[in-house]
């Protein structure tokens, strides 16, 4: 897709939703980190149901450590892979206390050194918490980018690099959320809602069902 068409797409996204953000509920950078770790292979709705009671009880590294791994599991047991996630969160809380004064680090290297934090999670934190121009490639963005012609890639990293190159810089900060929301509600996996799509005339998907 050429840059002119790409810019037209994001101009429309920006007009309809100027300041998109995550659908995860959080009140601090730490809460956001925990919510994003929990959201791997889980829906935002299921994460929000668990983190509401959890954050009311424990919303700092120290308080979650005090809960302990078994105590934490009681709050997140409805979320997929909760055993591994509980273990990673406890380890992450200890590292935040020991190495970062209980603050969330603002570099990719430091974030990816935290258990349960990979490139995608680091990108979400850098973008949503700190305003960095990163794009976290989840299943929605990977599908949408390849489907509509924004970026063709076989791996999330390939798609991420192409999107950063193709999308005009002015739209980098919010591109991640626009694409996630578009993939979650309009350009869905099985039967995209092309008739409701605000970019259907710009989309390069050959099987559009208008």
N, C-alpha and C. Protein backbone atom coordinates (compact mmCIF):
# COMPACT_ATOMS: atom_id res chain seq x y z
N UNK A 1 0.84 -1.19 0.00
CA UNK A 1 0.00 0.00 0.00
C UNK A 1 0.88 1.25 0.00
N UNK A 2 0.54 2.21 -0.86
CA UNK A 2 1.36 3.43 -0.91
C UNK A 2 1.05 4.34 0.28
N UNK A 3 1.96 5.28 0.53
CA UNK A 3 1.86 6.12 1.72
C UNK A 3 0.66 7.07 1.67
N UNK A 4 0.27 7.47 0.47
CA UNK A 4 -0.87 8.38 0.34
C UNK A 4 -2.17 7.70 0.81
N UNK A 5 -2.36 6.47 0.37
CA UNK A 5 -3.56 5.73 0.78
C UNK A 5 -3.50 5.42 2.28
N UNK A 6 -2.32 5.06 2.75
CA UNK A 6 -2.15 4.77 4.18
C UNK A 6 -2.50 5.99 5.02
N UNK A 7 -2.03 7.15 4.59
CA UNK A 7 -2.32 8.37 5.32
C UNK A 7 -3.81 8.67 5.32
N UNK A 8 -4.48 8.41 4.22
CA UNK A 8 -5.92 8.63 4.13
C UNK A 8 -6.67 7.75 5.13
N UNK A 9 -6.20 6.52 5.29
CA UNK A 9 -6.82 5.58 6.24
C UNK A 9 -6.73 6.12 7.66
N UNK A 10 -5.52 6.54 8.05
CA UNK A 10 -5.34 6.97 9.44
C UNK A 10 -5.96 8.36 9.69
N UNK A 11 -6.09 9.13 8.65
CA UNK A 11 -6.78 10.42 8.79
C UNK A 11 -8.25 10.19 9.16
N UNK A 12 -8.85 9.15 8.56
CA UNK A 12 -10.24 8.83 8.87
C UNK A 12 -10.36 8.27 10.29
N UNK A 13 -9.43 7.38 10.65
CA UNK A 13 -9.45 6.85 12.02
C UNK A 13 -9.37 7.99 13.03
N UNK A 14 -8.47 8.94 12.77
CA UNK A 14 -8.24 10.06 13.69
C UNK A 14 -9.45 10.97 13.80
N UNK A 15 -10.17 11.13 12.69
CA UNK A 15 -11.34 12.00 12.70
C UNK A 15 -12.46 11.40 13.55
N UNK A 16 -12.63 10.08 13.45
CA UNK A 16 -13.71 9.40 14.18
C UNK A 16 -13.35 9.20 15.65
N UNK A 17 -12.07 8.93 15.93
CA UNK A 17 -11.63 8.64 17.31
C UNK A 17 -10.25 9.28 17.53
N UNK A 18 -10.20 10.56 17.89
CA UNK A 18 -8.93 11.29 17.97
C UNK A 18 -7.96 10.75 19.03
N UNK A 19 -8.48 10.21 20.13
CA UNK A 19 -7.58 9.76 21.20
C UNK A 19 -7.95 8.35 21.67
N UNK A 20 -7.69 7.35 20.85
CA UNK A 20 -8.02 5.98 21.23
C UNK A 20 -7.09 5.49 22.34
N UNK A 21 -7.56 4.53 23.11
CA UNK A 21 -6.70 3.97 24.15
C UNK A 21 -7.10 2.52 24.41
N UNK A 22 -6.38 1.88 25.29
CA UNK A 22 -6.65 0.48 25.60
C UNK A 22 -8.01 0.32 26.28
N UNK A 23 -8.61 -0.85 26.13
CA UNK A 23 -9.86 -1.15 26.82
C UNK A 23 -9.62 -1.84 28.15
N UNK A 24 -8.36 -2.02 28.50
CA UNK A 24 -8.02 -2.54 29.83
C UNK A 24 -8.22 -1.43 30.86
N UNK A 25 -8.75 -1.79 32.02
CA UNK A 25 -8.96 -0.82 33.09
C UNK A 25 -7.70 -0.73 33.96
N UNK A 26 -7.23 0.49 34.19
CA UNK A 26 -6.05 0.68 35.04
C UNK A 26 -6.01 2.11 35.54
N UNK A 27 -5.33 2.30 36.67
CA UNK A 27 -5.20 3.63 37.25
C UNK A 27 -3.74 4.05 37.42
N UNK A 28 -2.81 3.19 37.09
CA UNK A 28 -1.39 3.51 37.23
C UNK A 28 -0.58 2.71 36.22
N UNK A 29 0.66 3.09 36.02
CA UNK A 29 1.53 2.35 35.10
C UNK A 29 1.69 0.91 35.56
N UNK A 30 1.77 0.72 36.86
CA UNK A 30 1.92 -0.64 37.40
C UNK A 30 0.68 -1.48 37.10
N UNK A 31 -0.49 -0.92 37.33
CA UNK A 31 -1.73 -1.65 37.04
C UNK A 31 -1.81 -2.00 35.55
N UNK A 32 -1.38 -1.07 34.70
CA UNK A 32 -1.38 -1.34 33.27
C UNK A 32 -0.47 -2.51 32.94
N UNK A 33 0.73 -2.53 33.51
CA UNK A 33 1.66 -3.62 33.27
C UNK A 33 1.06 -4.97 33.66
N UNK A 34 0.48 -5.04 34.85
CA UNK A 34 -0.12 -6.30 35.30
C UNK A 34 -1.27 -6.71 34.40
N UNK A 35 -2.10 -5.75 34.01
CA UNK A 35 -3.24 -6.06 33.13
C UNK A 35 -2.77 -6.58 31.78
N UNK A 36 -1.72 -5.98 31.24
CA UNK A 36 -1.23 -6.41 29.93
C UNK A 36 -0.61 -7.80 30.02
N UNK A 37 0.13 -8.08 31.09
CA UNK A 37 0.68 -9.43 31.28
C UNK A 37 -0.46 -10.44 31.34
N UNK A 38 -1.53 -10.12 32.04
CA UNK A 38 -2.66 -11.03 32.16
C UNK A 38 -3.43 -11.18 30.87
N UNK A 39 -3.34 -10.18 29.98
CA UNK A 39 -4.17 -10.19 28.76
C UNK A 39 -3.65 -11.12 27.67
N UNK A 40 -2.46 -11.68 27.84
CA UNK A 40 -1.93 -12.60 26.82
C UNK A 40 -2.87 -13.80 26.68
N UNK A 41 -3.35 -14.04 25.48
CA UNK A 41 -4.27 -15.13 25.18
C UNK A 41 -5.53 -15.07 26.05
N UNK A 42 -5.96 -13.85 26.35
CA UNK A 42 -7.19 -13.66 27.12
C UNK A 42 -7.85 -12.38 26.61
N UNK A 43 -9.14 -12.24 26.85
CA UNK A 43 -9.84 -11.04 26.40
C UNK A 43 -9.70 -9.93 27.43
N UNK A 44 -9.80 -8.69 26.97
CA UNK A 44 -9.75 -7.56 27.88
C UNK A 44 -10.90 -7.62 28.88
N UNK A 45 -12.05 -8.09 28.45
CA UNK A 45 -13.21 -8.18 29.34
C UNK A 45 -12.91 -9.12 30.51
N UNK A 46 -12.32 -10.28 30.22
CA UNK A 46 -12.01 -11.24 31.29
C UNK A 46 -10.94 -10.69 32.22
N UNK A 47 -9.98 -9.97 31.67
CA UNK A 47 -8.93 -9.38 32.50
C UNK A 47 -9.51 -8.31 33.42
N UNK A 48 -10.38 -7.46 32.88
CA UNK A 48 -10.98 -6.40 33.69
C UNK A 48 -11.81 -6.96 34.84
N UNK A 49 -12.49 -8.07 34.60
CA UNK A 49 -13.29 -8.69 35.66
C UNK A 49 -12.39 -9.17 36.80
N UNK A 50 -11.20 -9.63 36.46
CA UNK A 50 -10.28 -10.12 37.48
C UNK A 50 -9.52 -9.00 38.17
N UNK A 51 -9.09 -8.00 37.41
CA UNK A 51 -8.25 -6.96 37.98
C UNK A 51 -9.03 -5.96 38.84
N UNK A 52 -10.32 -5.84 38.62
CA UNK A 52 -11.12 -4.96 39.47
C UNK A 52 -10.95 -5.31 40.94
N UNK A 53 -11.31 -6.54 41.34
CA UNK A 53 -11.12 -6.95 42.74
C UNK A 53 -9.64 -7.02 43.13
N UNK A 54 -8.78 -7.45 42.21
CA UNK A 54 -7.35 -7.57 42.54
C UNK A 54 -6.76 -6.21 42.88
N UNK A 55 -6.97 -5.22 42.03
CA UNK A 55 -6.37 -3.90 42.25
C UNK A 55 -6.99 -3.18 43.46
N UNK A 56 -8.22 -3.53 43.79
CA UNK A 56 -8.82 -2.96 45.00
C UNK A 56 -8.09 -3.46 46.24
N UNK A 57 -7.53 -4.66 46.14
CA UNK A 57 -6.81 -5.26 47.27
C UNK A 57 -5.31 -5.00 47.19
N UNK A 58 -4.76 -5.11 45.97
CA UNK A 58 -3.30 -5.00 45.81
C UNK A 58 -2.98 -4.33 44.48
N UNK A 59 -2.45 -3.10 44.55
CA UNK A 59 -2.17 -2.35 43.31
C UNK A 59 -0.75 -1.79 43.27
N UNK A 60 0.15 -2.39 44.05
CA UNK A 60 1.57 -2.04 44.01
C UNK A 60 2.38 -3.32 44.03
N UNK A 61 3.64 -3.27 43.63
CA UNK A 61 4.47 -4.48 43.69
C UNK A 61 4.53 -5.06 45.10
N UNK A 62 4.64 -4.19 46.09
CA UNK A 62 4.74 -4.66 47.48
C UNK A 62 3.47 -5.39 47.92
N UNK A 63 2.32 -4.83 47.56
CA UNK A 63 1.05 -5.43 47.98
C UNK A 63 0.79 -6.76 47.29
N UNK A 64 1.18 -6.87 46.02
CA UNK A 64 1.00 -8.14 45.32
C UNK A 64 1.96 -9.19 45.87
N UNK A 65 3.17 -8.79 46.19
CA UNK A 65 4.11 -9.73 46.82
C UNK A 65 3.56 -10.22 48.15
N UNK A 66 2.90 -9.35 48.87
CA UNK A 66 2.33 -9.73 50.16
C UNK A 66 1.21 -10.76 49.97
N UNK A 67 0.48 -10.66 48.88
CA UNK A 67 -0.54 -11.66 48.57
C UNK A 67 0.08 -13.03 48.39
N UNK A 68 1.25 -13.04 47.74
CA UNK A 68 1.91 -14.30 47.43
C UNK A 68 1.33 -14.93 46.19
N UNK A 69 2.04 -15.91 45.66
CA UNK A 69 1.60 -16.54 44.41
C UNK A 69 0.23 -17.20 44.55
N UNK A 70 0.01 -17.92 45.62
CA UNK A 70 -1.27 -18.60 45.81
C UNK A 70 -2.40 -17.61 46.03
N UNK A 71 -2.10 -16.55 46.77
CA UNK A 71 -3.12 -15.52 47.00
C UNK A 71 -3.49 -14.81 45.71
N UNK A 72 -2.48 -14.56 44.87
CA UNK A 72 -2.72 -13.90 43.58
C UNK A 72 -3.59 -14.79 42.68
N UNK A 73 -3.34 -16.07 42.70
CA UNK A 73 -4.08 -17.00 41.84
C UNK A 73 -5.58 -16.96 42.12
N UNK A 74 -5.95 -16.69 43.35
CA UNK A 74 -7.38 -16.65 43.69
C UNK A 74 -8.10 -15.55 42.93
N UNK A 75 -7.37 -14.49 42.59
CA UNK A 75 -7.97 -13.37 41.87
C UNK A 75 -7.97 -13.57 40.36
N UNK A 76 -7.01 -14.33 39.86
CA UNK A 76 -6.85 -14.41 38.40
C UNK A 76 -7.15 -15.80 37.83
N UNK A 77 -7.74 -16.68 38.63
CA UNK A 77 -7.92 -18.08 38.20
C UNK A 77 -8.91 -18.23 37.04
N UNK A 78 -9.68 -17.18 36.75
CA UNK A 78 -10.62 -17.25 35.60
C UNK A 78 -9.92 -16.91 34.29
N UNK A 79 -8.66 -16.52 34.36
CA UNK A 79 -7.90 -16.12 33.17
C UNK A 79 -7.02 -17.27 32.70
N UNK A 80 -6.95 -17.48 31.41
CA UNK A 80 -6.13 -18.54 30.86
C UNK A 80 -4.67 -18.42 31.26
N UNK A 81 -4.04 -19.57 31.48
CA UNK A 81 -2.62 -19.65 31.84
C UNK A 81 -2.32 -18.93 33.16
N UNK A 82 -3.29 -18.93 34.06
CA UNK A 82 -3.14 -18.14 35.29
C UNK A 82 -2.00 -18.62 36.19
N UNK A 83 -1.68 -19.91 36.15
CA UNK A 83 -0.58 -20.39 36.99
C UNK A 83 0.75 -19.76 36.58
N UNK A 84 1.03 -19.81 35.28
CA UNK A 84 2.29 -19.23 34.77
C UNK A 84 2.29 -17.72 34.95
N UNK A 85 1.14 -17.10 34.73
CA UNK A 85 1.05 -15.64 34.85
C UNK A 85 1.27 -15.20 36.29
N UNK A 86 0.71 -15.95 37.24
CA UNK A 86 0.91 -15.62 38.65
C UNK A 86 2.39 -15.70 39.02
N UNK A 87 3.03 -16.74 38.56
CA UNK A 87 4.46 -16.91 38.83
C UNK A 87 5.27 -15.76 38.24
N UNK A 88 4.97 -15.40 37.00
CA UNK A 88 5.69 -14.30 36.36
C UNK A 88 5.44 -12.96 37.05
N UNK A 89 4.21 -12.71 37.46
CA UNK A 89 3.88 -11.44 38.10
C UNK A 89 4.60 -11.30 39.44
N UNK A 90 4.65 -12.37 40.21
CA UNK A 90 5.37 -12.33 41.49
C UNK A 90 6.86 -12.03 41.25
N UNK A 91 7.46 -12.69 40.28
CA UNK A 91 8.87 -12.44 39.97
C UNK A 91 9.08 -11.01 39.47
N UNK A 92 8.16 -10.54 38.64
CA UNK A 92 8.26 -9.18 38.12
C UNK A 92 8.17 -8.15 39.25
N UNK A 93 7.26 -8.37 40.18
CA UNK A 93 7.12 -7.44 41.31
C UNK A 93 8.41 -7.37 42.12
N UNK A 94 9.05 -8.49 42.32
CA UNK A 94 10.30 -8.51 43.08
C UNK A 94 11.39 -7.73 42.35
N UNK A 95 11.46 -7.91 41.02
CA UNK A 95 12.46 -7.18 40.23
C UNK A 95 12.18 -5.68 40.24
N UNK A 96 10.93 -5.31 40.14
CA UNK A 96 10.58 -3.88 40.18
C UNK A 96 11.02 -3.24 41.49
N UNK A 97 10.83 -3.96 42.58
CA UNK A 97 11.25 -3.45 43.89
C UNK A 97 12.77 -3.39 44.00
N UNK A 98 13.43 -4.47 43.59
CA UNK A 98 14.87 -4.58 43.78
C UNK A 98 15.68 -3.69 42.83
N UNK A 99 15.20 -3.56 41.59
CA UNK A 99 16.01 -2.88 40.58
C UNK A 99 15.46 -1.53 40.10
N UNK A 100 14.19 -1.27 40.34
CA UNK A 100 13.58 -0.07 39.75
C UNK A 100 12.81 0.79 40.75
N UNK A 101 13.06 0.60 42.04
CA UNK A 101 12.40 1.40 43.08
C UNK A 101 10.88 1.35 42.95
N UNK A 102 10.38 0.18 42.56
CA UNK A 102 8.94 -0.07 42.40
C UNK A 102 8.30 0.72 41.26
N UNK A 103 9.11 1.31 40.40
CA UNK A 103 8.61 2.05 39.24
C UNK A 103 8.69 1.17 37.99
N UNK A 104 7.88 1.51 37.00
CA UNK A 104 7.92 0.78 35.73
C UNK A 104 9.03 1.39 34.86
N UNK A 105 10.00 0.57 34.43
CA UNK A 105 11.08 1.12 33.60
C UNK A 105 10.56 1.61 32.25
N UNK A 106 11.27 2.58 31.67
CA UNK A 106 10.81 3.19 30.43
C UNK A 106 11.67 2.82 29.23
N UNK A 107 12.44 1.75 29.33
CA UNK A 107 13.22 1.29 28.19
C UNK A 107 12.77 -0.11 27.79
N UNK A 108 12.85 -0.40 26.52
CA UNK A 108 12.47 -1.73 26.03
C UNK A 108 13.30 -2.82 26.69
N UNK A 109 14.60 -2.59 26.79
CA UNK A 109 15.50 -3.61 27.35
C UNK A 109 15.09 -3.98 28.78
N UNK A 110 14.82 -2.96 29.60
CA UNK A 110 14.45 -3.21 30.99
C UNK A 110 13.07 -3.86 31.10
N UNK A 111 12.15 -3.46 30.25
CA UNK A 111 10.82 -4.06 30.27
C UNK A 111 10.87 -5.52 29.85
N UNK A 112 11.60 -5.82 28.79
CA UNK A 112 11.65 -7.20 28.30
C UNK A 112 12.44 -8.11 29.22
N UNK A 113 13.15 -7.54 30.18
CA UNK A 113 13.86 -8.35 31.18
C UNK A 113 12.92 -8.81 32.29
N UNK A 114 11.69 -8.28 32.31
CA UNK A 114 10.71 -8.67 33.33
C UNK A 114 10.01 -9.97 32.91
N UNK A 115 9.87 -10.93 33.81
CA UNK A 115 9.17 -12.19 33.48
C UNK A 115 7.75 -11.92 32.99
N UNK A 116 7.38 -12.56 31.89
CA UNK A 116 6.04 -12.38 31.33
C UNK A 116 5.90 -11.21 30.39
N UNK A 117 7.01 -10.48 30.17
CA UNK A 117 6.98 -9.32 29.29
C UNK A 117 7.82 -9.59 28.05
N UNK A 118 7.15 -9.69 26.90
CA UNK A 118 7.85 -9.85 25.63
C UNK A 118 7.79 -8.55 24.85
N UNK A 119 8.13 -8.60 23.59
CA UNK A 119 8.16 -7.40 22.76
C UNK A 119 6.79 -6.72 22.67
N UNK A 120 5.75 -7.53 22.49
CA UNK A 120 4.41 -6.95 22.35
C UNK A 120 4.00 -6.20 23.62
N UNK A 121 4.17 -6.84 24.77
CA UNK A 121 3.81 -6.19 26.03
C UNK A 121 4.64 -4.94 26.27
N UNK A 122 5.93 -5.03 25.98
CA UNK A 122 6.81 -3.86 26.14
C UNK A 122 6.33 -2.71 25.26
N UNK A 123 5.93 -3.02 24.04
CA UNK A 123 5.43 -1.98 23.13
C UNK A 123 4.16 -1.33 23.67
N UNK A 124 3.27 -2.13 24.24
CA UNK A 124 2.04 -1.58 24.82
C UNK A 124 2.37 -0.60 25.94
N UNK A 125 3.27 -1.00 26.83
CA UNK A 125 3.64 -0.15 27.97
C UNK A 125 4.32 1.12 27.48
N UNK A 126 5.28 0.98 26.58
CA UNK A 126 6.00 2.15 26.06
C UNK A 126 5.04 3.13 25.39
N UNK A 127 4.07 2.59 24.66
CA UNK A 127 3.12 3.43 23.94
C UNK A 127 2.06 4.04 24.86
N UNK A 128 1.38 3.20 25.61
CA UNK A 128 0.22 3.64 26.38
C UNK A 128 0.62 4.40 27.64
N UNK A 129 1.65 3.94 28.32
CA UNK A 129 2.06 4.59 29.56
C UNK A 129 2.97 5.79 29.33
N UNK A 130 3.85 5.68 28.31
CA UNK A 130 4.90 6.68 28.17
C UNK A 130 4.87 7.46 26.85
N UNK A 131 3.90 7.14 25.99
CA UNK A 131 3.72 7.92 24.76
C UNK A 131 4.74 7.67 23.67
N UNK A 132 5.47 6.56 23.74
CA UNK A 132 6.43 6.25 22.68
C UNK A 132 5.69 5.84 21.41
N UNK A 133 6.32 6.07 20.28
CA UNK A 133 5.70 5.73 18.99
C UNK A 133 5.97 4.27 18.63
N UNK A 134 5.41 3.36 19.41
CA UNK A 134 5.57 1.94 19.15
C UNK A 134 4.24 1.34 18.72
N UNK A 135 4.31 0.20 18.05
CA UNK A 135 3.10 -0.50 17.61
C UNK A 135 3.21 -1.95 18.08
N UNK A 136 2.34 -2.34 18.99
CA UNK A 136 2.34 -3.70 19.52
C UNK A 136 1.50 -4.59 18.60
N UNK A 137 2.11 -5.62 18.06
CA UNK A 137 1.41 -6.47 17.10
C UNK A 137 0.74 -7.64 17.81
N UNK A 138 -0.57 -7.53 17.98
CA UNK A 138 -1.33 -8.67 18.49
C UNK A 138 -2.02 -9.36 17.32
N UNK A 139 -2.87 -10.33 17.61
CA UNK A 139 -3.50 -11.08 16.52
C UNK A 139 -4.39 -10.18 15.65
N UNK A 140 -5.05 -9.20 16.26
CA UNK A 140 -5.91 -8.30 15.50
C UNK A 140 -5.10 -7.46 14.51
N UNK A 141 -4.04 -6.84 14.99
CA UNK A 141 -3.23 -5.97 14.12
C UNK A 141 -2.55 -6.79 13.03
N UNK A 142 -2.05 -7.96 13.40
CA UNK A 142 -1.39 -8.82 12.41
C UNK A 142 -2.36 -9.17 11.28
N UNK A 143 -3.59 -9.52 11.64
CA UNK A 143 -4.60 -9.88 10.65
C UNK A 143 -5.00 -8.67 9.80
N UNK A 144 -5.31 -7.57 10.46
CA UNK A 144 -5.78 -6.38 9.73
C UNK A 144 -4.71 -5.85 8.79
N UNK A 145 -3.48 -5.74 9.26
CA UNK A 145 -2.40 -5.19 8.43
C UNK A 145 -2.18 -6.02 7.18
N UNK A 146 -2.17 -7.34 7.34
CA UNK A 146 -1.99 -8.21 6.18
C UNK A 146 -3.22 -8.20 5.27
N UNK A 147 -4.40 -8.20 5.86
CA UNK A 147 -5.63 -8.30 5.08
C UNK A 147 -5.87 -7.07 4.22
N UNK A 148 -5.74 -5.88 4.81
CA UNK A 148 -6.11 -4.68 4.06
C UNK A 148 -4.97 -4.11 3.24
N UNK A 149 -3.77 -4.70 3.39
CA UNK A 149 -2.64 -4.28 2.55
C UNK A 149 -1.72 -3.26 3.18
N UNK A 150 -1.92 -2.96 4.47
CA UNK A 150 -1.05 -1.99 5.13
C UNK A 150 0.37 -2.51 5.26
N UNK A 151 0.49 -3.79 5.62
CA UNK A 151 1.82 -4.39 5.79
C UNK A 151 1.69 -5.89 5.58
N UNK A 152 2.51 -6.42 4.71
CA UNK A 152 2.51 -7.85 4.45
C UNK A 152 3.72 -8.46 5.17
N UNK A 153 3.44 -9.39 6.06
CA UNK A 153 4.54 -10.02 6.79
C UNK A 153 4.12 -11.36 7.35
N UNK A 154 5.10 -12.25 7.51
CA UNK A 154 4.81 -13.59 8.04
C UNK A 154 5.01 -13.66 9.56
N UNK A 155 5.66 -12.65 10.11
CA UNK A 155 5.88 -12.62 11.56
C UNK A 155 5.43 -11.28 12.12
N UNK A 156 5.11 -11.24 13.41
CA UNK A 156 4.73 -9.96 14.02
C UNK A 156 5.80 -8.89 13.87
N UNK A 157 7.07 -9.27 13.98
CA UNK A 157 8.15 -8.29 13.87
C UNK A 157 8.21 -7.71 12.46
N UNK A 158 8.02 -8.54 11.44
CA UNK A 158 8.01 -8.05 10.06
C UNK A 158 6.89 -7.03 9.87
N UNK A 159 5.71 -7.35 10.38
CA UNK A 159 4.57 -6.44 10.25
C UNK A 159 4.82 -5.15 11.01
N UNK A 160 5.37 -5.26 12.22
CA UNK A 160 5.67 -4.07 13.02
C UNK A 160 6.61 -3.13 12.28
N UNK A 161 7.69 -3.67 11.73
CA UNK A 161 8.67 -2.84 11.03
C UNK A 161 8.07 -2.18 9.80
N UNK A 162 7.23 -2.92 9.07
CA UNK A 162 6.61 -2.35 7.87
C UNK A 162 5.61 -1.25 8.23
N UNK A 163 4.85 -1.47 9.30
CA UNK A 163 3.88 -0.45 9.71
C UNK A 163 4.58 0.84 10.13
N UNK A 164 5.66 0.71 10.88
CA UNK A 164 6.40 1.90 11.32
C UNK A 164 6.99 2.66 10.13
N UNK A 165 7.27 1.93 9.07
CA UNK A 165 7.84 2.54 7.87
C UNK A 165 6.75 3.18 7.00
N UNK A 166 5.59 2.55 6.96
CA UNK A 166 4.52 2.99 6.06
C UNK A 166 3.62 4.07 6.66
N UNK A 167 3.27 3.90 7.93
CA UNK A 167 2.35 4.84 8.57
C UNK A 167 3.05 6.18 8.81
N UNK A 168 2.44 7.29 8.41
CA UNK A 168 3.05 8.61 8.65
C UNK A 168 3.32 8.83 10.14
N UNK A 169 4.42 9.47 10.44
CA UNK A 169 4.87 9.66 11.82
C UNK A 169 3.81 10.31 12.70
N UNK A 170 3.03 11.20 12.14
CA UNK A 170 2.01 11.90 12.93
C UNK A 170 0.98 10.97 13.54
N UNK A 171 0.85 9.76 12.98
CA UNK A 171 -0.16 8.82 13.45
C UNK A 171 0.42 7.67 14.26
N UNK A 172 1.73 7.64 14.47
CA UNK A 172 2.37 6.51 15.14
C UNK A 172 1.86 6.27 16.55
N UNK A 173 1.67 7.33 17.31
CA UNK A 173 1.32 7.14 18.72
C UNK A 173 0.00 6.42 18.89
N UNK A 174 -0.99 6.69 18.03
CA UNK A 174 -2.31 6.08 18.19
C UNK A 174 -2.60 4.93 17.22
N UNK A 175 -1.69 4.66 16.29
CA UNK A 175 -1.94 3.64 15.27
C UNK A 175 -2.26 2.28 15.88
N UNK A 176 -1.53 1.93 16.91
CA UNK A 176 -1.70 0.66 17.61
C UNK A 176 -3.15 0.46 18.05
N UNK A 177 -3.71 1.47 18.71
CA UNK A 177 -5.07 1.32 19.23
C UNK A 177 -6.13 1.41 18.13
N UNK A 178 -5.92 2.25 17.14
CA UNK A 178 -6.88 2.30 16.03
C UNK A 178 -6.99 0.93 15.35
N UNK A 179 -5.86 0.31 15.10
CA UNK A 179 -5.87 -0.97 14.39
C UNK A 179 -6.45 -2.10 15.24
N UNK A 180 -6.14 -2.10 16.53
CA UNK A 180 -6.72 -3.12 17.43
C UNK A 180 -8.24 -2.99 17.46
N UNK A 181 -8.72 -1.79 17.66
CA UNK A 181 -10.17 -1.58 17.75
C UNK A 181 -10.86 -1.91 16.43
N UNK A 182 -10.20 -1.57 15.32
CA UNK A 182 -10.76 -1.89 14.00
C UNK A 182 -10.84 -3.40 13.82
N UNK A 183 -9.80 -4.11 14.24
CA UNK A 183 -9.79 -5.56 14.11
C UNK A 183 -10.74 -6.25 15.08
N UNK A 184 -10.95 -5.64 16.23
CA UNK A 184 -11.80 -6.25 17.25
C UNK A 184 -13.28 -6.11 16.91
N UNK A 185 -13.66 -4.99 16.28
CA UNK A 185 -15.08 -4.73 16.08
C UNK A 185 -15.56 -4.68 14.63
N UNK A 186 -14.67 -4.41 13.68
CA UNK A 186 -15.08 -4.30 12.28
C UNK A 186 -14.40 -5.35 11.40
N UNK A 187 -13.09 -5.30 11.35
CA UNK A 187 -12.35 -6.23 10.48
C UNK A 187 -12.07 -7.52 11.24
N UNK A 188 -13.17 -8.17 11.64
CA UNK A 188 -13.07 -9.37 12.47
C UNK A 188 -12.57 -10.56 11.66
N UNK A 189 -12.17 -11.60 12.37
CA UNK A 189 -11.46 -12.71 11.72
C UNK A 189 -12.30 -13.46 10.69
N UNK A 190 -13.47 -13.96 11.07
CA UNK A 190 -14.21 -14.87 10.20
C UNK A 190 -14.98 -14.16 9.09
N UNK A 191 -15.69 -13.11 9.45
CA UNK A 191 -16.50 -12.42 8.45
C UNK A 191 -16.42 -10.92 8.70
N UNK A 192 -15.43 -10.26 8.09
CA UNK A 192 -15.28 -8.82 8.32
C UNK A 192 -16.53 -8.04 7.92
N UNK A 193 -16.83 -7.02 8.71
CA UNK A 193 -18.04 -6.22 8.48
C UNK A 193 -17.74 -5.08 7.51
N UNK A 194 -17.46 -5.46 6.29
CA UNK A 194 -17.02 -4.49 5.28
C UNK A 194 -18.06 -3.40 5.02
N UNK A 195 -19.34 -3.76 5.14
CA UNK A 195 -20.40 -2.78 4.91
C UNK A 195 -20.43 -1.68 5.95
N UNK A 196 -19.83 -1.92 7.13
CA UNK A 196 -19.80 -0.93 8.20
C UNK A 196 -18.44 -0.23 8.30
N UNK A 197 -17.53 -0.58 7.41
CA UNK A 197 -16.14 -0.12 7.52
C UNK A 197 -15.95 1.27 6.92
N UNK A 198 -15.33 2.16 7.68
CA UNK A 198 -15.13 3.53 7.20
C UNK A 198 -13.97 3.66 6.22
N UNK A 199 -13.21 2.58 6.02
CA UNK A 199 -12.09 2.63 5.07
C UNK A 199 -12.26 1.60 3.95
N UNK A 200 -13.50 1.14 3.72
CA UNK A 200 -13.68 0.05 2.76
C UNK A 200 -13.25 0.42 1.34
N UNK A 201 -13.31 1.70 0.98
CA UNK A 201 -12.91 2.11 -0.36
C UNK A 201 -11.39 2.21 -0.50
N UNK A 202 -10.69 2.22 0.63
CA UNK A 202 -9.22 2.30 0.62
C UNK A 202 -8.57 0.93 0.85
N UNK A 203 -9.34 0.03 1.42
CA UNK A 203 -8.85 -1.31 1.75
C UNK A 203 -8.52 -2.10 0.48
N UNK A 204 -7.44 -2.88 0.54
CA UNK A 204 -7.01 -3.66 -0.61
C UNK A 204 -7.32 -5.16 -0.47
N UNK A 205 -8.20 -5.49 0.46
CA UNK A 205 -8.61 -6.89 0.65
C UNK A 205 -9.43 -7.33 -0.56
N UNK A 206 -8.97 -8.37 -1.28
CA UNK A 206 -9.66 -8.76 -2.53
C UNK A 206 -11.01 -9.42 -2.32
N UNK A 207 -11.32 -9.86 -1.10
CA UNK A 207 -12.59 -10.57 -0.86
C UNK A 207 -13.57 -9.74 -0.02
N UNK A 208 -13.55 -8.45 -0.23
CA UNK A 208 -14.46 -7.57 0.52
C UNK A 208 -15.92 -7.94 0.25
N UNK A 209 -16.73 -7.94 1.33
CA UNK A 209 -18.15 -8.22 1.16
C UNK A 209 -18.95 -6.96 1.51
N UNK A 210 -19.05 -6.07 0.55
CA UNK A 210 -19.75 -4.79 0.77
C UNK A 210 -21.27 -4.96 0.67
